[in-house]
Amino acid sequence: HEGDLFLCDLGATDSYYCADISRTFPVNGKFTQRQKAIYECVLKAQQIVEDNCRPGITTRQLNQMVIDHYAAELPKLGLNGPVSEYYYHGVAHHLGLDTYDVTLMESVLAPGHVITNEPGLYIAEENMGIRIEDDLLVTEDGCRNLSCTPKSVEEIEEIMK
């Protein structure tokens, strides 16, 4: 319907390895101001994870960075409940021969690991959910984003014209 968002979660396999990405698009091609504000908050959370993903860190630590970001930003968006009311899944899981490779949140990332980066916000009272997901390869000194799908508000609105 006019004004709705479409959240698409999809993946692919190549040589037995899995990918997992999500994007959220405005059905009519243009984000409302409210949708844009929430979307950009989620996009910032995703950037925080990408900036901090490196060997020696855990997915639990990355998830806490997202929670801390949302704790600071959600009140500015008029969302005054606990973060867990709007963000109720972890930010990452390992990828490999299965979409959800078995691992613990406390396991330490190392070069060669591939994880998802998928912060989301879900606002039931506004019938709105936004998730942006990419796949990150942990390198010797950081990470490399393996996803190449447009995700900024401007890129999405341009494509949707």
N, C-alpha and C. Protein backbone atom coordinates (compact mmCIF):
# COMPACT_ATOMS: atom_id res chain seq x y z
N HIS A 1 0.83 -1.18 0.00
CA HIS A 1 0.00 0.00 0.00
C HIS A 1 0.88 1.25 0.00
N GLU A 2 0.29 2.32 -0.46
CA GLU A 2 0.98 3.62 -0.44
C GLU A 2 1.49 3.90 0.97
N GLY A 3 2.76 4.26 1.06
CA GLY A 3 3.36 4.58 2.36
C GLY A 3 3.96 3.40 3.11
N ASP A 4 3.78 2.19 2.59
CA ASP A 4 4.35 1.01 3.25
C ASP A 4 5.81 0.82 2.87
N LEU A 5 6.49 0.05 3.69
CA LEU A 5 7.86 -0.38 3.40
C LEU A 5 7.84 -1.85 3.06
N PHE A 6 8.77 -2.25 2.21
CA PHE A 6 8.94 -3.65 1.82
C PHE A 6 10.30 -4.11 2.31
N LEU A 7 10.32 -5.07 3.23
CA LEU A 7 11.57 -5.61 3.76
C LEU A 7 11.83 -6.94 3.07
N CYS A 8 12.97 -7.03 2.41
CA CYS A 8 13.32 -8.21 1.63
C CYS A 8 14.57 -8.84 2.23
N ASP A 9 14.47 -10.08 2.68
CA ASP A 9 15.59 -10.83 3.26
C ASP A 9 15.87 -11.99 2.31
N LEU A 10 17.06 -12.02 1.75
CA LEU A 10 17.36 -13.05 0.75
C LEU A 10 18.81 -13.48 0.80
N GLY A 11 19.08 -14.55 0.11
CA GLY A 11 20.45 -15.06 0.08
C GLY A 11 20.71 -15.83 -1.20
N ALA A 12 21.90 -16.34 -1.28
CA ALA A 12 22.31 -17.12 -2.43
C ALA A 12 23.41 -18.07 -1.98
N THR A 13 23.72 -19.03 -2.83
CA THR A 13 24.85 -19.91 -2.55
C THR A 13 25.77 -19.93 -3.77
N ASP A 14 27.05 -20.12 -3.49
CA ASP A 14 28.05 -20.26 -4.54
C ASP A 14 29.13 -21.20 -4.02
N SER A 15 29.40 -22.24 -4.76
CA SER A 15 30.40 -23.24 -4.35
C SER A 15 30.14 -23.71 -2.93
N TYR A 16 28.88 -23.91 -2.61
CA TYR A 16 28.41 -24.42 -1.31
C TYR A 16 28.44 -23.40 -0.18
N TYR A 17 28.88 -22.16 -0.43
CA TYR A 17 28.90 -21.13 0.61
C TYR A 17 27.68 -20.23 0.48
N CYS A 18 27.20 -19.75 1.62
CA CYS A 18 25.95 -18.98 1.67
C CYS A 18 26.18 -17.48 1.81
N ALA A 19 25.23 -16.73 1.31
CA ALA A 19 25.16 -15.28 1.50
C ALA A 19 23.80 -14.97 2.12
N ASP A 20 23.68 -13.82 2.75
CA ASP A 20 22.44 -13.44 3.43
C ASP A 20 22.40 -11.92 3.50
N ILE A 21 21.48 -11.28 2.78
CA ILE A 21 21.35 -9.83 2.83
C ILE A 21 19.88 -9.44 3.00
N SER A 22 19.67 -8.25 3.49
CA SER A 22 18.32 -7.68 3.60
C SER A 22 18.37 -6.23 3.16
N ARG A 23 17.28 -5.80 2.57
CA ARG A 23 17.10 -4.39 2.22
C ARG A 23 15.65 -4.02 2.50
N THR A 24 15.44 -2.76 2.79
CA THR A 24 14.10 -2.23 3.03
C THR A 24 13.87 -1.08 2.06
N PHE A 25 12.75 -1.15 1.33
CA PHE A 25 12.43 -0.17 0.29
C PHE A 25 11.05 0.42 0.54
N PRO A 26 10.85 1.70 0.21
CA PRO A 26 9.50 2.25 0.24
C PRO A 26 8.73 1.74 -0.98
N VAL A 27 7.53 1.23 -0.77
CA VAL A 27 6.73 0.66 -1.85
C VAL A 27 6.49 1.68 -2.96
N ASN A 28 6.25 2.94 -2.58
CA ASN A 28 5.95 3.96 -3.59
C ASN A 28 7.20 4.65 -4.13
N GLY A 29 8.39 4.23 -3.67
CA GLY A 29 9.63 4.78 -4.20
C GLY A 29 10.22 5.94 -3.40
N LYS A 30 9.51 6.43 -2.40
CA LYS A 30 10.01 7.57 -1.62
C LYS A 30 9.74 7.33 -0.14
N PHE A 31 10.80 7.45 0.66
CA PHE A 31 10.65 7.35 2.11
C PHE A 31 9.91 8.57 2.64
N THR A 32 9.04 8.37 3.64
CA THR A 32 8.49 9.51 4.37
C THR A 32 9.61 10.06 5.26
N GLN A 33 9.43 11.23 5.81
CA GLN A 33 10.44 11.80 6.71
C GLN A 33 10.66 10.88 7.90
N ARG A 34 9.59 10.32 8.44
CA ARG A 34 9.69 9.41 9.59
C ARG A 34 10.46 8.14 9.20
N GLN A 35 10.10 7.55 8.08
CA GLN A 35 10.79 6.34 7.61
C GLN A 35 12.27 6.63 7.38
N LYS A 36 12.55 7.77 6.78
CA LYS A 36 13.93 8.15 6.51
C LYS A 36 14.73 8.29 7.81
N ALA A 37 14.15 8.90 8.83
CA ALA A 37 14.84 9.07 10.11
C ALA A 37 15.15 7.72 10.75
N ILE A 38 14.20 6.81 10.74
CA ILE A 38 14.41 5.48 11.31
C ILE A 38 15.43 4.72 10.47
N TYR A 39 15.29 4.77 9.16
CA TYR A 39 16.21 4.08 8.24
C TYR A 39 17.65 4.55 8.47
N GLU A 40 17.84 5.84 8.57
CA GLU A 40 19.20 6.37 8.75
C GLU A 40 19.77 6.01 10.11
N CYS A 41 18.94 5.84 11.11
CA CYS A 41 19.39 5.37 12.42
C CYS A 41 19.90 3.93 12.31
N VAL A 42 19.17 3.10 11.58
CA VAL A 42 19.58 1.71 11.36
C VAL A 42 20.86 1.67 10.53
N LEU A 43 20.94 2.49 9.50
CA LEU A 43 22.13 2.54 8.64
C LEU A 43 23.36 2.95 9.45
N LYS A 44 23.20 3.88 10.38
CA LYS A 44 24.31 4.29 11.25
C LYS A 44 24.74 3.13 12.15
N ALA A 45 23.77 2.39 12.67
CA ALA A 45 24.11 1.21 13.49
C ALA A 45 24.91 0.21 12.67
N GLN A 46 24.50 0.02 11.42
CA GLN A 46 25.23 -0.91 10.55
C GLN A 46 26.66 -0.42 10.32
N GLN A 47 26.83 0.88 10.14
CA GLN A 47 28.17 1.44 9.92
C GLN A 47 29.05 1.28 11.16
N ILE A 48 28.46 1.42 12.35
CA ILE A 48 29.20 1.21 13.59
C ILE A 48 29.76 -0.21 13.63
N VAL A 49 28.95 -1.18 13.27
CA VAL A 49 29.40 -2.58 13.25
C VAL A 49 30.53 -2.76 12.24
N GLU A 50 30.33 -2.24 11.04
CA GLU A 50 31.36 -2.40 10.00
C GLU A 50 32.67 -1.72 10.42
N ASP A 51 32.58 -0.57 11.05
CA ASP A 51 33.78 0.15 11.49
C ASP A 51 34.53 -0.57 12.61
N ASN A 52 33.83 -1.41 13.37
CA ASN A 52 34.43 -2.06 14.53
C ASN A 52 34.66 -3.56 14.36
N CYS A 53 34.22 -4.12 13.27
CA CYS A 53 34.41 -5.55 13.01
C CYS A 53 35.87 -5.80 12.66
N ARG A 54 36.51 -6.66 13.47
CA ARG A 54 37.94 -6.95 13.27
C ARG A 54 38.31 -8.18 14.08
N PRO A 55 39.45 -8.77 13.82
CA PRO A 55 39.89 -9.90 14.64
C PRO A 55 39.98 -9.50 16.11
N GLY A 56 39.61 -10.43 16.97
CA GLY A 56 39.71 -10.19 18.40
C GLY A 56 38.44 -9.70 19.06
N ILE A 57 37.44 -9.35 18.29
CA ILE A 57 36.17 -8.87 18.85
C ILE A 57 35.14 -9.98 18.72
N THR A 58 34.10 -9.95 19.54
CA THR A 58 33.03 -10.95 19.45
C THR A 58 31.77 -10.33 18.85
N THR A 59 30.90 -11.17 18.35
CA THR A 59 29.62 -10.65 17.85
C THR A 59 28.80 -10.08 19.00
N ARG A 60 28.98 -10.59 20.21
CA ARG A 60 28.29 -10.02 21.38
C ARG A 60 28.73 -8.57 21.59
N GLN A 61 30.02 -8.29 21.45
CA GLN A 61 30.50 -6.91 21.60
C GLN A 61 29.94 -6.02 20.49
N LEU A 62 29.89 -6.52 19.27
CA LEU A 62 29.30 -5.74 18.17
C LEU A 62 27.83 -5.46 18.45
N ASN A 63 27.12 -6.46 18.95
CA ASN A 63 25.71 -6.29 19.27
C ASN A 63 25.52 -5.24 20.36
N GLN A 64 26.40 -5.21 21.34
CA GLN A 64 26.28 -4.23 22.41
C GLN A 64 26.49 -2.81 21.87
N MET A 65 27.36 -2.67 20.87
CA MET A 65 27.57 -1.36 20.24
C MET A 65 26.28 -0.88 19.59
N VAL A 66 25.55 -1.79 18.97
CA VAL A 66 24.26 -1.43 18.35
C VAL A 66 23.27 -1.03 19.43
N ILE A 67 23.19 -1.81 20.49
CA ILE A 67 22.27 -1.48 21.59
C ILE A 67 22.60 -0.11 22.18
N ASP A 68 23.88 0.17 22.39
CA ASP A 68 24.29 1.47 22.92
C ASP A 68 23.90 2.61 21.98
N HIS A 69 24.09 2.40 20.68
CA HIS A 69 23.70 3.40 19.67
C HIS A 69 22.19 3.64 19.74
N TYR A 70 21.42 2.57 19.75
CA TYR A 70 19.97 2.72 19.80
C TYR A 70 19.52 3.36 21.11
N ALA A 71 20.17 3.03 22.22
CA ALA A 71 19.79 3.62 23.51
C ALA A 71 19.95 5.14 23.47
N ALA A 72 20.96 5.62 22.76
CA ALA A 72 21.18 7.06 22.63
C ALA A 72 20.25 7.71 21.61
N GLU A 73 19.95 7.00 20.53
CA GLU A 73 19.22 7.61 19.42
C GLU A 73 17.70 7.44 19.46
N LEU A 74 17.20 6.35 20.02
CA LEU A 74 15.76 6.11 19.98
C LEU A 74 14.95 7.20 20.68
N PRO A 75 15.37 7.72 21.84
CA PRO A 75 14.59 8.81 22.44
C PRO A 75 14.49 10.04 21.54
N LYS A 76 15.52 10.30 20.75
CA LYS A 76 15.48 11.44 19.81
C LYS A 76 14.43 11.22 18.73
N LEU A 77 14.07 9.94 18.52
CA LEU A 77 13.06 9.59 17.51
C LEU A 77 11.68 9.42 18.15
N GLY A 78 11.58 9.77 19.43
CA GLY A 78 10.30 9.65 20.13
C GLY A 78 9.98 8.23 20.57
N LEU A 79 10.98 7.36 20.58
CA LEU A 79 10.79 5.96 20.99
C LEU A 79 11.41 5.80 22.37
N ASN A 80 10.56 5.81 23.39
CA ASN A 80 11.04 5.89 24.76
C ASN A 80 10.99 4.57 25.52
N GLY A 81 10.58 3.51 24.86
CA GLY A 81 10.60 2.20 25.52
C GLY A 81 12.02 1.66 25.57
N PRO A 82 12.20 0.50 26.20
CA PRO A 82 13.53 -0.11 26.21
C PRO A 82 13.95 -0.49 24.79
N VAL A 83 15.25 -0.50 24.55
CA VAL A 83 15.77 -0.86 23.21
C VAL A 83 15.20 -2.20 22.77
N SER A 84 15.07 -3.15 23.69
CA SER A 84 14.59 -4.49 23.33
C SER A 84 13.16 -4.50 22.79
N GLU A 85 12.42 -3.41 22.99
CA GLU A 85 11.08 -3.32 22.43
C GLU A 85 11.11 -3.10 20.92
N TYR A 86 12.20 -2.51 20.43
CA TYR A 86 12.32 -2.16 19.01
C TYR A 86 13.41 -2.94 18.28
N TYR A 87 14.33 -3.51 19.04
CA TYR A 87 15.46 -4.27 18.48
C TYR A 87 15.56 -5.56 19.26
N TYR A 88 15.09 -6.66 18.66
CA TYR A 88 14.98 -7.89 19.43
C TYR A 88 15.66 -9.09 18.79
N HIS A 89 16.67 -8.84 17.99
CA HIS A 89 17.51 -9.93 17.50
C HIS A 89 18.96 -9.47 17.51
N GLY A 90 19.88 -10.39 17.40
CA GLY A 90 21.29 -10.03 17.40
C GLY A 90 21.69 -9.39 16.09
N VAL A 91 22.81 -8.71 16.10
CA VAL A 91 23.27 -8.00 14.91
C VAL A 91 24.00 -8.90 13.92
N ALA A 92 24.46 -10.07 14.38
CA ALA A 92 25.31 -10.86 13.49
C ALA A 92 25.19 -12.35 13.76
N HIS A 93 25.42 -13.12 12.73
CA HIS A 93 25.63 -14.55 12.85
C HIS A 93 26.67 -14.94 11.80
N HIS A 94 27.35 -16.03 12.06
CA HIS A 94 28.37 -16.49 11.12
C HIS A 94 27.70 -17.07 9.88
N LEU A 95 28.36 -16.90 8.75
CA LEU A 95 27.94 -17.48 7.47
C LEU A 95 29.01 -18.46 7.01
N GLY A 96 28.59 -19.45 6.28
CA GLY A 96 29.54 -20.41 5.73
C GLY A 96 28.80 -21.41 4.88
N LEU A 97 28.97 -22.68 5.22
CA LEU A 97 28.29 -23.74 4.48
C LEU A 97 26.80 -23.76 4.79
N ASP A 98 26.40 -23.05 5.82
CA ASP A 98 25.00 -22.90 6.18
C ASP A 98 24.76 -21.40 6.41
N THR A 99 23.53 -20.97 6.21
CA THR A 99 23.22 -19.56 6.41
C THR A 99 23.46 -19.15 7.86
N TYR A 100 23.18 -20.06 8.78
CA TYR A 100 23.45 -19.79 10.19
C TYR A 100 24.48 -20.80 10.66
N ASP A 101 25.75 -20.52 10.39
CA ASP A 101 26.81 -21.42 10.86
C ASP A 101 26.82 -21.43 12.38
N VAL A 102 27.02 -22.58 12.93
CA VAL A 102 27.00 -22.75 14.37
C VAL A 102 28.20 -22.03 15.00
N THR A 103 27.91 -21.17 15.96
CA THR A 103 28.96 -20.47 16.71
C THR A 103 28.34 -19.89 17.96
N LEU A 104 29.16 -19.44 18.85
CA LEU A 104 28.70 -18.79 20.08
C LEU A 104 28.91 -17.28 19.95
N MET A 105 28.03 -16.52 20.61
CA MET A 105 28.19 -15.05 20.57
C MET A 105 29.50 -14.62 21.21
N GLU A 106 30.05 -15.46 22.08
CA GLU A 106 31.30 -15.13 22.76
C GLU A 106 32.53 -15.52 21.94
N SER A 107 32.34 -16.25 20.83
CA SER A 107 33.51 -16.67 20.05
C SER A 107 34.18 -15.45 19.42
N VAL A 108 35.49 -15.48 19.43
CA VAL A 108 36.29 -14.35 18.97
C VAL A 108 36.44 -14.41 17.45
N LEU A 109 36.20 -13.29 16.78
CA LEU A 109 36.34 -13.24 15.33
C LEU A 109 37.81 -13.33 14.94
N ALA A 110 38.03 -13.98 13.80
CA ALA A 110 39.39 -14.16 13.28
C ALA A 110 39.37 -13.94 11.77
N PRO A 111 40.52 -13.61 11.19
CA PRO A 111 40.57 -13.44 9.73
C PRO A 111 40.01 -14.67 9.02
N GLY A 112 39.19 -14.41 8.02
CA GLY A 112 38.55 -15.48 7.25
C GLY A 112 37.13 -15.76 7.68
N HIS A 113 36.73 -15.34 8.88
CA HIS A 113 35.34 -15.51 9.29
C HIS A 113 34.46 -14.60 8.44
N VAL A 114 33.25 -15.05 8.18
CA VAL A 114 32.25 -14.22 7.50
C VAL A 114 31.04 -14.15 8.41
N ILE A 115 30.60 -12.93 8.67
CA ILE A 115 29.42 -12.71 9.52
C ILE A 115 28.44 -11.79 8.81
N THR A 116 27.21 -11.83 9.27
CA THR A 116 26.23 -10.86 8.80
C THR A 116 26.34 -9.59 9.64
N ASN A 117 25.82 -8.51 9.11
CA ASN A 117 25.72 -7.23 9.81
C ASN A 117 24.30 -6.77 9.56
N GLU A 118 23.41 -7.03 10.53
CA GLU A 118 21.98 -6.82 10.27
C GLU A 118 21.22 -6.17 11.41
N PRO A 119 21.55 -4.93 11.72
CA PRO A 119 20.73 -4.24 12.72
C PRO A 119 19.35 -3.96 12.14
N GLY A 120 18.39 -3.89 13.00
CA GLY A 120 17.04 -3.58 12.57
C GLY A 120 16.30 -2.83 13.65
N LEU A 121 15.26 -2.16 13.26
CA LEU A 121 14.33 -1.54 14.21
C LEU A 121 12.93 -1.89 13.76
N TYR A 122 12.10 -2.28 14.71
CA TYR A 122 10.74 -2.73 14.42
C TYR A 122 9.80 -2.00 15.37
N ILE A 123 8.94 -1.18 14.80
CA ILE A 123 8.06 -0.31 15.60
C ILE A 123 6.63 -0.77 15.34
N ALA A 124 6.15 -1.66 16.18
CA ALA A 124 4.84 -2.28 15.98
C ALA A 124 3.72 -1.25 15.89
N GLU A 125 3.77 -0.25 16.78
CA GLU A 125 2.68 0.74 16.81
C GLU A 125 2.63 1.61 15.56
N GLU A 126 3.70 1.60 14.78
CA GLU A 126 3.73 2.35 13.52
C GLU A 126 3.70 1.41 12.31
N ASN A 127 3.55 0.12 12.57
CA ASN A 127 3.53 -0.88 11.50
C ASN A 127 4.77 -0.72 10.59
N MET A 128 5.94 -0.57 11.24
CA MET A 128 7.17 -0.31 10.49
C MET A 128 8.29 -1.22 10.98
N GLY A 129 8.97 -1.83 10.04
CA GLY A 129 10.17 -2.60 10.34
C GLY A 129 11.23 -2.27 9.31
N ILE A 130 12.44 -1.99 9.77
CA ILE A 130 13.55 -1.67 8.87
C ILE A 130 14.75 -2.50 9.28
N ARG A 131 15.27 -3.26 8.33
CA ARG A 131 16.50 -4.00 8.55
C ARG A 131 17.36 -3.82 7.30
N ILE A 132 18.65 -3.61 7.53
CA ILE A 132 19.63 -3.50 6.45
C ILE A 132 20.70 -4.52 6.79
N GLU A 133 20.98 -5.44 5.88
CA GLU A 133 21.91 -6.53 6.17
C GLU A 133 22.93 -6.69 5.06
N ASP A 134 24.18 -6.78 5.47
CA ASP A 134 25.30 -7.06 4.57
C ASP A 134 26.10 -8.22 5.15
N ASP A 135 27.02 -8.74 4.36
CA ASP A 135 27.92 -9.80 4.79
C ASP A 135 29.33 -9.23 4.88
N LEU A 136 30.00 -9.50 6.00
CA LEU A 136 31.33 -8.97 6.25
C LEU A 136 32.36 -10.10 6.34
N LEU A 137 33.45 -9.94 5.60
CA LEU A 137 34.59 -10.85 5.69
C LEU A 137 35.59 -10.22 6.66
N VAL A 138 35.94 -10.93 7.73
CA VAL A 138 36.93 -10.43 8.68
C VAL A 138 38.31 -10.59 8.05
N THR A 139 39.05 -9.48 8.02
CA THR A 139 40.40 -9.47 7.44
C THR A 139 41.44 -9.34 8.55
N GLU A 140 42.69 -9.26 8.20
CA GLU A 140 43.76 -9.14 9.19
C GLU A 140 43.63 -7.88 10.05
N ASP A 141 43.10 -6.80 9.46
CA ASP A 141 43.06 -5.53 10.18
C ASP A 141 41.68 -4.87 10.21
N GLY A 142 40.64 -5.62 9.95
CA GLY A 142 39.30 -5.05 9.95
C GLY A 142 38.33 -6.00 9.28
N CYS A 143 37.60 -5.46 8.32
CA CYS A 143 36.67 -6.31 7.57
C CYS A 143 36.45 -5.71 6.19
N ARG A 144 35.87 -6.54 5.33
CA ARG A 144 35.51 -6.10 3.98
C ARG A 144 34.05 -6.45 3.77
N ASN A 145 33.27 -5.47 3.32
CA ASN A 145 31.86 -5.68 3.04
C ASN A 145 31.75 -6.43 1.72
N LEU A 146 31.14 -7.62 1.75
CA LEU A 146 31.00 -8.44 0.55
C LEU A 146 29.75 -8.12 -0.25
N SER A 147 28.88 -7.30 0.31
CA SER A 147 27.61 -6.96 -0.36
C SER A 147 27.82 -5.75 -1.25
N CYS A 148 27.08 -5.71 -2.34
CA CYS A 148 27.26 -4.60 -3.28
C CYS A 148 25.92 -4.00 -3.71
N THR A 149 24.90 -4.19 -2.91
CA THR A 149 23.57 -3.68 -3.23
C THR A 149 23.41 -2.27 -2.66
N PRO A 150 22.87 -1.33 -3.43
CA PRO A 150 22.68 0.03 -2.93
C PRO A 150 21.86 0.03 -1.63
N LYS A 151 22.19 0.97 -0.73
CA LYS A 151 21.45 1.00 0.53
C LYS A 151 21.22 2.38 1.10
N SER A 152 21.82 3.44 0.58
CA SER A 152 21.53 4.76 1.13
C SER A 152 20.13 5.19 0.68
N VAL A 153 19.55 6.09 1.43
CA VAL A 153 18.21 6.61 1.08
C VAL A 153 18.24 7.15 -0.35
N GLU A 154 19.26 7.92 -0.67
CA GLU A 154 19.36 8.54 -2.00
C GLU A 154 19.48 7.48 -3.11
N GLU A 155 20.31 6.47 -2.88
CA GLU A 155 20.46 5.40 -3.89
C GLU A 155 19.15 4.64 -4.10
N ILE A 156 18.48 4.34 -3.02
CA ILE A 156 17.22 3.59 -3.13
C ILE A 156 16.16 4.41 -3.83
N GLU A 157 16.01 5.68 -3.46
CA GLU A 157 14.99 6.50 -4.10
C GLU A 157 15.31 6.72 -5.57
N GLU A 158 16.57 6.80 -5.93
CA GLU A 158 16.95 6.97 -7.35
C GLU A 158 16.58 5.71 -8.14
N ILE A 159 16.89 4.56 -7.61
CA ILE A 159 16.56 3.31 -8.28
C ILE A 159 15.06 3.13 -8.41
N MET A 160 14.31 3.59 -7.44
CA MET A 160 12.86 3.39 -7.41
C MET A 160 12.09 4.36 -8.32
N LYS A 161 12.79 5.32 -8.92
CA LYS A 161 12.10 6.29 -9.81
C LYS A 161 11.49 5.58 -10.99
